Amino acid sequence: MKPRRHGNGHAVRDRRIPRVRFRAFGASSLDFELLCWVDNPELRGRVLDALNTAVYKRFIAEGIEIPYAKQDLYIKEMPQPGE
């Protein structure tokens, strides 16, 4: 089977069709997993980086924002000087 080149030239195999799985509801997210095969397992990190970068850039192009957890801090009383 012929490999597909992504991003920086690292290959994802065509032998098995890449799949996306919805795995869980996160605290502020919907958690998905992309499953694919790479030519050389030693390149896994580089392929993962290229795929994540491509997904992130596509999200930006489509106007999709990634939610980040935030916390608000409320001050009930300000301490008095000298306390």
Protein backbone atom coordinates (compact mmCIF):
# COMPACT_ATOMS: atom_id res chain seq x y z
CA MET A 1 0.00 0.00 0.00
CA LYS A 2 1.08 3.54 -0.70
CA PRO A 3 1.71 5.94 2.23
CA ARG A 4 0.13 9.39 2.38
CA ARG A 5 2.51 12.22 3.25
CA HIS A 6 1.29 14.72 5.84
CA GLY A 7 2.66 18.08 6.85
CA ASN A 8 6.39 17.67 7.19
CA GLY A 9 6.65 14.60 4.92
CA HIS A 10 5.97 11.84 7.46
CA ALA A 11 3.70 9.08 6.25
CA VAL A 12 0.41 7.62 7.39
CA ARG A 13 -0.32 4.24 5.77
CA ASP A 14 -3.24 3.79 3.37
CA ARG A 15 -3.42 0.09 4.27
CA ARG A 16 -5.89 0.90 7.01
CA ILE A 17 -8.30 3.78 6.72
CA PRO A 18 -7.77 6.41 9.47
CA ARG A 19 -10.67 6.48 11.92
CA VAL A 20 -11.99 9.01 14.41
CA ARG A 21 -13.59 7.84 17.64
CA PHE A 22 -15.60 9.91 20.13
CA ARG A 23 -14.17 8.74 23.44
CA ALA A 24 -15.60 10.86 26.25
CA PHE A 25 -17.17 14.03 27.55
CA GLY A 26 -14.35 16.02 29.16
CA ALA A 27 -14.70 18.75 31.80
CA SER A 28 -14.80 21.41 29.05
CA SER A 29 -14.53 19.32 25.90
CA LEU A 30 -15.65 16.49 23.69
CA ASP A 31 -12.73 14.03 23.55
CA PHE A 32 -11.97 12.39 20.19
CA GLU A 33 -9.18 10.05 19.15
CA LEU A 34 -7.67 9.77 15.65
CA LEU A 35 -6.49 6.25 14.83
CA CYS A 36 -4.04 5.66 11.97
CA TRP A 37 -0.97 3.60 11.04
CA VAL A 38 2.49 5.07 10.36
CA ASP A 39 5.27 3.76 8.11
CA ASN A 40 7.83 3.57 10.87
CA PRO A 41 6.91 3.41 14.58
CA GLU A 42 10.06 5.37 15.39
CA LEU A 43 8.44 8.36 13.64
CA ARG A 44 5.28 8.21 15.75
CA GLY A 45 6.06 11.44 17.62
CA ARG A 46 6.78 13.40 14.45
CA VAL A 47 3.65 12.08 12.72
CA LEU A 48 1.55 12.91 15.80
CA ASP A 49 2.96 16.45 15.82
CA ALA A 50 2.19 16.91 12.10
CA LEU A 51 -1.37 15.59 12.48
CA ASN A 52 -2.11 17.67 15.61
CA THR A 53 -0.74 20.79 13.91
CA ALA A 54 -2.89 20.17 10.83
CA VAL A 55 -6.02 19.69 12.98
CA TYR A 56 -5.26 22.83 15.01
CA LYS A 57 -4.74 24.95 11.86
CA ARG A 58 -8.00 23.62 10.41
CA PHE A 59 -9.84 24.50 13.62
CA ILE A 60 -8.52 28.07 13.34
CA ALA A 61 -9.54 28.26 9.66
CA GLU A 62 -13.05 27.04 10.53
CA GLY A 63 -13.42 29.37 13.53
CA ILE A 64 -13.52 26.52 16.06
CA GLU A 65 -12.30 27.55 19.50
CA ILE A 66 -10.77 25.10 21.97
CA PRO A 67 -12.30 25.58 25.43
CA TYR A 68 -9.89 26.01 28.28
CA ALA A 69 -10.85 25.69 31.91
CA LYS A 70 -11.03 29.01 33.71
CA GLN A 71 -11.63 30.00 37.26
CA ASP A 72 -13.00 33.27 38.62
CA LEU A 73 -11.68 34.61 41.91
CA TYR A 74 -14.05 36.67 44.05
CA ILE A 75 -12.63 38.76 46.89
CA LYS A 76 -15.19 39.18 49.66
CA GLU A 77 -13.19 41.73 51.64
CA MET A 78 -10.01 43.61 51.04
CA PRO A 79 -7.56 43.34 53.96
CA GLN A 80 -7.17 46.54 55.95
CA PRO A 81 -3.75 48.21 55.90
CA GLY A 82 -1.59 46.99 58.78
CA GLU A 83 -3.37 43.66 59.24
